[in-house]
Protein backbone atom coordinates (compact mmCIF):
# COMPACT_ATOMS: atom_id res chain seq x y z
CA MET A 1 2.87 -19.83 11.24
CA VAL A 2 1.41 -20.14 7.76
CA THR A 3 -1.97 -18.47 7.37
CA ASP A 4 -4.14 -17.44 4.45
CA ALA A 5 -6.17 -15.30 6.87
CA TRP A 6 -4.43 -12.10 7.87
CA LYS A 7 -4.82 -8.35 8.23
CA PRO A 8 -6.60 -6.23 7.14
CA GLN A 9 -9.21 -8.95 7.63
CA VAL A 10 -11.14 -8.64 10.89
CA ASN A 11 -12.15 -12.10 12.08
CA GLY A 12 -11.62 -14.64 14.83
CA VAL A 13 -8.61 -16.27 13.19
CA VAL A 14 -6.64 -13.04 12.81
CA HIS A 15 -7.60 -11.91 16.32
CA THR A 16 -6.49 -15.24 17.79
CA LEU A 17 -3.15 -15.14 15.97
CA GLU A 18 -2.41 -11.61 17.16
CA ARG A 19 -3.17 -12.45 20.79
CA LEU A 20 -1.32 -15.77 20.55
CA SER A 21 1.84 -14.08 19.30
CA GLU A 22 1.72 -11.74 22.30
CA ALA A 23 1.30 -14.67 24.70
CA LEU A 24 4.21 -16.51 23.07
CA ALA A 25 6.43 -13.41 23.22
CA ASP A 26 5.85 -13.35 26.99
CA ARG A 27 7.44 -16.81 27.01
CA GLY A 28 10.41 -15.75 24.89
CA VAL A 29 9.11 -17.31 21.69
CA GLU A 30 9.54 -15.42 18.44
CA THR A 31 6.71 -15.82 15.95
CA ARG A 32 6.94 -15.28 12.20
CA PHE A 33 3.76 -15.21 10.12
CA LEU A 34 3.81 -16.26 6.49
CA THR A 35 0.73 -14.56 4.98
CA PRO A 36 -0.59 -13.37 1.60
CA LEU A 37 1.13 -10.05 2.30
CA ASP A 38 4.49 -11.81 1.76
CA PHE A 39 3.67 -12.23 -1.92
CA GLY A 40 3.24 -9.54 -4.52
CA THR A 41 0.46 -11.13 -6.55
CA ARG A 42 -2.89 -11.59 -4.86
CA PHE A 43 -6.49 -11.94 -5.97
CA PRO A 44 -9.81 -11.63 -4.11
CA LEU A 45 -11.56 -14.78 -2.95
CA PRO A 46 -14.66 -15.42 -5.11
CA THR A 47 -17.88 -14.43 -3.26
CA TYR A 48 -15.73 -12.75 -0.56
CA PRO A 49 -13.56 -9.98 -2.07
CA ASP A 50 -12.29 -8.77 1.34
CA ILE A 51 -10.18 -11.94 1.58
CA GLN A 52 -7.03 -11.85 -0.54
CA ILE A 53 -5.47 -15.08 -1.81
CA ALA A 54 -1.75 -15.19 -2.65
CA LEU A 55 -0.70 -16.34 -6.10
CA THR A 56 2.62 -18.14 -5.64
CA THR A 57 4.33 -21.54 -5.86
CA PRO A 58 5.23 -24.28 -3.36
CA GLY A 59 8.90 -23.58 -4.03
CA HIS A 60 8.52 -19.92 -3.12
CA VAL A 61 6.63 -20.81 0.07
CA GLY A 62 9.33 -23.32 0.99
CA ALA A 63 12.05 -20.73 0.42
CA VAL A 64 10.32 -18.29 2.76
CA ILE A 65 10.04 -20.98 5.45
CA GLU A 66 13.71 -21.88 5.11
CA SER A 67 14.79 -18.25 5.29
CA ALA A 68 12.92 -17.87 8.58
CA ARG A 69 15.11 -20.62 10.14
CA ALA A 70 12.10 -21.62 12.25
CA ASP A 71 12.28 -24.35 14.88
CA HIS A 72 8.71 -25.37 14.10
CA VAL A 73 6.09 -24.85 11.39
CA HIS A 74 2.40 -24.49 12.23
CA LEU A 75 -0.25 -24.42 9.49
CA VAL A 76 -3.09 -22.16 10.56
CA THR A 77 -5.43 -22.44 7.57
CA GLU A 78 -6.23 -24.92 4.83
CA GLY A 79 -5.97 -22.34 2.03
CA PRO A 80 -3.43 -22.23 -0.81
CA LEU A 81 -0.53 -21.17 1.44
CA GLY A 82 -1.39 -23.89 3.94
CA TRP A 83 -1.40 -26.60 1.29
CA MET A 84 1.86 -25.38 -0.25
CA ALA A 85 3.54 -25.32 3.16
CA ARG A 86 2.20 -28.80 3.87
CA ARG A 87 3.73 -30.03 0.62
CA TYR A 88 7.09 -28.46 1.54
CA CYS A 89 7.10 -29.99 5.04
CA ARG A 90 6.19 -33.46 3.78
CA ARG A 91 8.83 -33.32 1.05
CA LYS A 92 11.46 -32.31 3.62
CA GLY A 93 10.26 -34.83 6.20
CA ARG A 94 9.61 -31.96 8.58
CA PRO A 95 6.98 -32.39 11.32
CA PHE A 96 4.28 -29.74 11.48
CA THR A 97 1.10 -29.02 13.38
CA THR A 98 -2.21 -27.59 12.22
CA SER A 99 -5.25 -25.86 13.70
CA TYR A 100 -8.92 -26.16 12.79
CA HIS A 101 -10.56 -22.73 12.93
CA THR A 102 -13.46 -22.79 10.49
CA LYS A 103 -16.22 -25.21 9.53
CA PHE A 104 -15.16 -24.79 5.95
CA PRO A 105 -17.51 -27.47 4.51
CA GLU A 106 -20.53 -25.66 5.94
CA TYR A 107 -19.07 -22.31 4.92
CA LEU A 108 -18.59 -23.57 1.34
CA SER A 109 -21.99 -25.24 1.01
CA ALA A 110 -23.66 -21.99 2.07
CA ARG A 111 -22.26 -20.41 -1.09
CA LEU A 112 -21.77 -23.22 -3.62
CA PRO A 113 -23.33 -26.65 -4.32
CA VAL A 114 -20.36 -28.56 -2.92
CA PRO A 115 -21.10 -31.75 -0.90
CA GLN A 116 -19.90 -31.39 2.69
CA LYS A 117 -18.50 -34.93 2.68
CA LEU A 118 -16.14 -34.05 -0.16
CA ALA A 119 -14.92 -30.99 1.71
CA TYR A 120 -14.42 -32.94 4.94
CA ASP A 121 -12.42 -35.62 3.07
CA TRP A 122 -10.18 -32.84 1.74
CA LEU A 123 -9.72 -31.31 5.19
CA ARG A 124 -9.05 -34.68 6.83
CA THR A 125 -6.22 -35.31 4.37
CA PHE A 126 -4.72 -31.92 5.23
CA HIS A 127 -4.88 -32.20 9.01
CA ASN A 128 -4.14 -35.91 9.56
CA SER A 129 -0.74 -35.54 7.87
CA GLY A 130 0.43 -33.31 10.73
CA THR A 131 1.55 -34.35 14.20
CA GLY A 132 -1.39 -32.67 15.94
CA THR A 133 -4.43 -30.57 15.17
CA LEU A 134 -5.45 -27.84 17.63
CA VAL A 135 -9.20 -27.42 18.20
CA ALA A 136 -10.93 -24.93 20.46
CA THR A 137 -13.89 -26.90 21.85
CA LYS A 138 -14.78 -30.41 22.94
CA SER A 139 -17.91 -30.57 20.80
CA LEU A 140 -15.82 -29.75 17.73
CA ALA A 141 -13.28 -32.43 18.66
CA ASP A 142 -16.07 -34.97 19.07
CA ASP A 143 -17.53 -34.09 15.68
CA LEU A 144 -14.17 -34.24 13.91
CA THR A 145 -13.34 -37.56 15.59
CA ARG A 146 -16.53 -39.06 14.16
CA ARG A 147 -15.36 -37.85 10.75
CA GLY A 148 -11.99 -39.60 11.03
CA PHE A 149 -9.73 -36.75 12.18
CA LYS A 150 -6.85 -37.83 14.43
CA ASN A 151 -4.44 -36.35 16.99
CA LEU A 152 -6.82 -33.59 18.04
CA ARG A 153 -5.39 -31.41 20.78
CA PRO A 154 -7.10 -28.89 23.09
CA TRP A 155 -6.56 -25.19 22.47
CA THR A 156 -8.83 -22.70 24.20
CA ARG A 157 -9.16 -18.95 23.59
CA GLY A 158 -8.83 -15.86 25.78
CA VAL A 159 -10.39 -12.46 26.30
CA ASP A 160 -9.04 -9.06 27.30
CA SER A 161 -11.08 -8.59 30.46
CA THR A 162 -9.49 -5.19 31.12
CA LEU A 163 -10.90 -3.86 27.83
CA PHE A 164 -14.22 -5.68 27.83
CA ARG A 165 -15.79 -4.93 31.20
CA PRO A 166 -19.22 -4.04 32.63
CA ASP A 167 -18.40 -0.50 33.80
CA ARG A 168 -18.24 0.71 30.19
CA ARG A 169 -22.04 0.64 30.05
CA LYS A 170 -23.46 3.83 28.52
CA ASP A 171 -26.75 5.32 27.43
CA PHE A 172 -26.65 5.51 23.62
CA GLY A 173 -30.15 6.88 23.44
CA VAL A 174 -31.43 3.65 21.95
CA LYS A 175 -34.77 2.19 22.94
CA GLY A 176 -34.21 -0.83 25.18
CA PRO A 177 -33.79 -3.62 25.61
CA ILE A 178 -30.82 -3.70 23.24
CA PHE A 179 -30.17 -6.99 21.44
CA LEU A 180 -26.67 -6.85 19.97
CA CYS A 181 -24.84 -8.99 17.45
CA ALA A 182 -21.23 -8.33 16.40
CA GLY A 183 -19.05 -9.99 13.82
CA ARG A 184 -18.63 -10.53 10.12
CA VAL A 185 -21.77 -9.69 8.14
CA ALA A 186 -21.74 -12.72 5.88
CA VAL A 187 -24.07 -15.51 4.86
CA GLU A 188 -22.48 -18.16 7.09
CA LYS A 189 -23.23 -16.08 10.20
CA ASN A 190 -26.96 -16.81 9.82
CA LEU A 191 -27.93 -13.23 10.70
CA PRO A 192 -31.53 -13.40 9.39
CA ALA A 193 -32.25 -15.90 12.17
CA PHE A 194 -31.70 -12.96 14.54
CA LEU A 195 -32.99 -10.14 12.36
CA ASP A 196 -36.33 -11.88 11.71
CA LEU A 197 -37.11 -12.30 15.41
CA GLU A 198 -39.98 -10.37 16.99
CA LEU A 199 -38.25 -8.77 19.95
CA PRO A 200 -38.90 -5.67 22.07
CA GLY A 201 -36.50 -2.74 21.98
CA THR A 202 -33.76 -2.42 19.37
CA LYS A 203 -31.59 -4.78 17.35
CA VAL A 204 -28.03 -3.64 16.68
CA ILE A 205 -25.49 -5.14 14.27
CA ILE A 206 -21.79 -4.26 14.48
CA GLY A 207 -19.42 -5.35 11.74
CA GLU A 208 -18.79 -5.34 8.01
CA GLY A 209 -18.99 -7.94 5.30
CA PRO A 210 -20.40 -8.84 1.88
CA GLU A 211 -23.99 -9.06 3.14
CA LEU A 212 -24.06 -5.63 4.80
CA ASP A 213 -25.72 -3.59 2.07
CA ARG A 214 -28.31 -6.25 1.31
CA LEU A 215 -29.31 -6.71 4.95
CA LYS A 216 -29.46 -2.96 5.58
CA ALA A 217 -31.97 -2.67 2.74
CA LEU A 218 -34.05 -5.60 3.99
CA TYR A 219 -34.11 -4.54 7.66
CA PRO A 220 -34.35 -0.73 7.81
CA GLU A 221 -35.53 -0.86 11.44
CA VAL A 222 -32.23 -2.44 12.58
CA ARG A 223 -29.28 -0.26 13.55
CA PHE A 224 -26.24 -1.29 11.46
CA LEU A 225 -23.17 0.43 12.88
CA GLY A 226 -20.49 -1.05 10.61
CA ARG A 227 -16.99 -1.60 11.95
CA LEU A 228 -16.25 0.32 15.15
CA PRO A 229 -13.02 1.23 16.93
CA THR A 230 -12.21 -1.30 19.64
CA GLU A 231 -13.01 1.08 22.52
CA GLU A 232 -16.42 1.94 21.08
CA LEU A 233 -17.12 -1.72 20.44
CA ALA A 234 -16.40 -2.45 24.09
CA ASP A 235 -18.87 0.29 25.09
CA TRP A 236 -21.62 -1.28 23.00
CA TYR A 237 -20.91 -4.76 24.39
CA ALA A 238 -21.40 -3.45 27.93
CA SER A 239 -24.43 -1.36 26.99
CA ALA A 240 -26.39 -4.18 25.37
CA ASP A 241 -28.93 -6.15 27.37
CA VAL A 242 -28.39 -9.40 25.44
CA PHE A 243 -25.74 -10.51 22.97
CA VAL A 244 -27.34 -12.69 20.28
CA PHE A 245 -25.13 -15.20 18.47
CA PRO A 246 -27.11 -16.77 15.59
CA SER A 247 -24.22 -18.55 13.87
CA MET A 248 -24.40 -22.32 13.59
CA THR A 249 -21.04 -22.80 11.86
CA ASP A 250 -18.47 -21.18 14.18
CA THR A 251 -15.96 -23.38 15.96
CA PHE A 252 -15.73 -21.13 19.02
CA GLY A 253 -16.92 -17.53 18.86
CA ASN A 254 -14.50 -15.01 20.39
CA VAL A 255 -17.32 -12.45 20.43
CA ILE A 256 -19.19 -14.65 22.92
CA ILE A 257 -16.57 -14.30 25.63
CA GLU A 258 -16.06 -10.62 24.82
CA ALA A 259 -19.77 -10.07 25.48
CA LEU A 260 -19.66 -12.15 28.66
CA ALA A 261 -16.62 -10.22 29.89
CA SER A 262 -18.69 -7.06 29.40
CA GLY A 263 -21.37 -8.48 31.67
CA THR A 264 -23.78 -9.13 28.81
CA PRO A 265 -25.61 -12.50 28.76
CA VAL A 266 -25.51 -14.47 25.52
CA ALA A 267 -28.40 -16.01 23.59
CA ALA A 268 -27.54 -18.66 21.02
CA PHE A 269 -28.44 -21.95 19.42
CA PRO A 270 -27.17 -25.08 21.24
CA VAL A 271 -24.37 -25.77 18.74
CA THR A 272 -20.57 -26.00 18.73
CA GLY A 273 -19.11 -22.87 20.28
CA PRO A 274 -22.03 -21.69 22.41
CA ILE A 275 -22.60 -25.09 24.06
CA ASP A 276 -18.92 -25.19 25.05
CA ILE A 277 -18.91 -21.70 26.55
CA VAL A 278 -22.38 -20.66 27.69
CA ARG A 279 -23.91 -22.35 30.73
CA ASN A 280 -27.61 -22.37 29.97
CA GLY A 281 -29.62 -20.42 32.53
CA ILE A 282 -26.49 -19.26 34.37
CA ASP A 283 -24.59 -16.84 32.13
CA GLY A 284 -26.72 -17.08 29.03
CA ALA A 285 -29.53 -18.96 27.32
CA LEU A 286 -29.37 -21.68 24.67
CA SER A 287 -32.36 -22.89 22.70
CA LYS A 288 -33.35 -24.14 19.27
CA ASP A 289 -35.84 -21.27 19.48
CA LEU A 290 -33.55 -18.23 19.29
CA ARG A 291 -36.33 -15.84 20.30
CA GLU A 292 -36.94 -17.85 23.43
CA ALA A 293 -33.22 -17.77 24.21
CA ALA A 294 -33.00 -14.00 23.63
CA LEU A 295 -35.93 -13.24 25.94
CA SER A 296 -34.70 -15.67 28.61
CA ALA A 297 -31.25 -14.07 28.58
CA LEU A 298 -32.81 -10.80 29.76
CA ASN A 299 -33.21 -12.42 33.17
CA ILE A 300 -29.61 -13.62 33.53
CA ASP A 301 -27.44 -12.16 36.30
CA ARG A 302 -24.87 -9.98 34.51
CA ALA A 303 -22.30 -10.61 37.23
CA ARG A 304 -22.42 -14.34 36.44
CA ALA A 305 -21.74 -13.59 32.78
CA ARG A 306 -18.63 -11.61 33.71
CA GLN A 307 -17.49 -14.35 36.08
CA ARG A 308 -17.68 -16.95 33.32
CA ALA A 309 -15.53 -14.89 30.94
CA LEU A 310 -12.75 -14.57 33.50
CA GLU A 311 -12.10 -18.31 33.10
CA PHE A 312 -10.64 -17.64 29.63
CA ASN A 313 -7.22 -16.05 29.19
CA TRP A 314 -4.63 -15.74 26.44
CA SER A 315 -1.78 -16.93 28.65
CA ALA A 316 -3.40 -20.37 28.91
CA CYS A 317 -4.00 -20.30 25.16
CA GLY A 318 -0.29 -19.71 24.55
CA GLN A 319 0.80 -22.46 26.91
CA MET A 320 -1.52 -25.02 25.33
CA PHE A 321 -0.14 -24.13 21.92
CA LEU A 322 3.45 -24.56 23.12
CA ASP A 323 2.62 -27.93 24.70
CA VAL A 324 1.55 -29.27 21.30
CA VAL A 325 4.61 -27.77 19.60
CA ASP A 326 6.83 -29.39 22.25
CA GLU A 327 5.22 -32.77 21.58
CA SER A 328 5.91 -32.39 17.89
CA LEU A 329 9.53 -31.27 18.35
CA ARG A 330 10.25 -34.15 20.71
CA GLY A 331 8.69 -36.64 18.33
CA ARG A 332 5.93 -37.70 20.69
CA PRO A 333 2.72 -36.22 19.32
CA GLY A 334 -0.57 -37.11 20.94
CA SER A 335 -2.04 -40.49 20.01
CA SER A 336 -5.09 -40.81 17.78
CA SER A 337 -7.15 -41.29 20.92
CA SER A 338 -6.13 -37.90 22.27
CA SER A 339 -9.31 -36.39 20.86
CA ALA A 340 -11.13 -38.07 23.72
CA LEU A 341 -9.35 -35.84 26.19
CA PRO A 342 -11.33 -32.92 27.69
CA ILE A 343 -10.92 -30.05 25.25
CA MET A 344 -11.99 -27.47 27.79
CA SER A 345 -11.81 -27.96 31.53
CA THR A 346 -13.97 -24.94 32.35
C-alpha cells in the first residue's frame, strides 16, 4: 500500500489504514506500507507543516515495490508517492487499485486559488488508470460518477465499539449541555461554522492542527483540549450531549461513528459523509442550519445512536477491500457502471 499519509499524522486515512491492516492480518494477508518514512529526505507540505512529503524518484519507489515482492499494489493517496507508484505500475503493465479518501479539490481551493475542475481532472487521470477505486459512501460515488470517474467500488469503515461505548460517560465539571467536535483543527474542517453558533452550555474542541492557535485566540470561551490519549478521547465522546460535525469536505468521517458508538447523537450538515451515516431524527440531526441540527440532536435517543454505530465494523471493511483486490488479480475488475451499485447497504 503506497500512501503519502502516515504516522505521526493523526487523521482518518492513517486510522483506516491501521485498522485495515489488522483486519487483513486476521485473514492471513500480510500488508506492507510504502510511506514517506521509507525515504531519508522529506519536506513539510506548504500550509500544513505536520504533513511530511518524501523527496525521491520513481525509480526508487519502483525498487521498493519490487523488493517487497507484493502480490498486489494499492495506491492510497494521490500525493507524490502515489503518482510515482502509478508510473511504475503502468510502465510494468502491473494492475493496481486506488482509494479516494479526501476531497482534495475542495481542500486545495480552501487554501489556494486553484480551480476545482482542474484538480478533479488531475484526480480522474490518477484513479481511472487503475482497475478499481474504493470509495466509502454512495453519495461520494454518485458525485465522482458525475465527474467521469469509473470503476468505483464500495468500501465502508468500522469502529471499535468496545473502546467507544456509552458507559464511559463521566462528569468533567463542564457546564452542560456539552457540544463536542473532534478532529484535525484545520481550515477545511469548517470549524467556525460550529464555533460561531449561539448554543447553551459548553463547546469543546479536541484535536490539533495549523488553525489551533488562531482559533483559541478568537474563541476564548471554547474549551480546546488539544490531542488526547485514546482512552480519554473515548470518555469525552461518551460524556458529550451532542457531537457536532461541521465539515463539508470529508468523504466519510470516522469520528461520526465513534461518537455514535459512544451513544452521542450527531449534528451535521446534509453533505457527503453525514448523509450516508446519520439517519435524520433517529440517531442524529442533519440540517443546513447547523444550530438547528445541534439543538434537535439533544432530543435524540442515545441508545439509537449506539445501535446505528454497531452496523459498522472493520472486518467488513477488510473483506470489501480484499474483494476488489481479488477482482484485480483475476483480471475482472468492476465495470464502469459499478459505481451505480449500493455503496453502503446499511
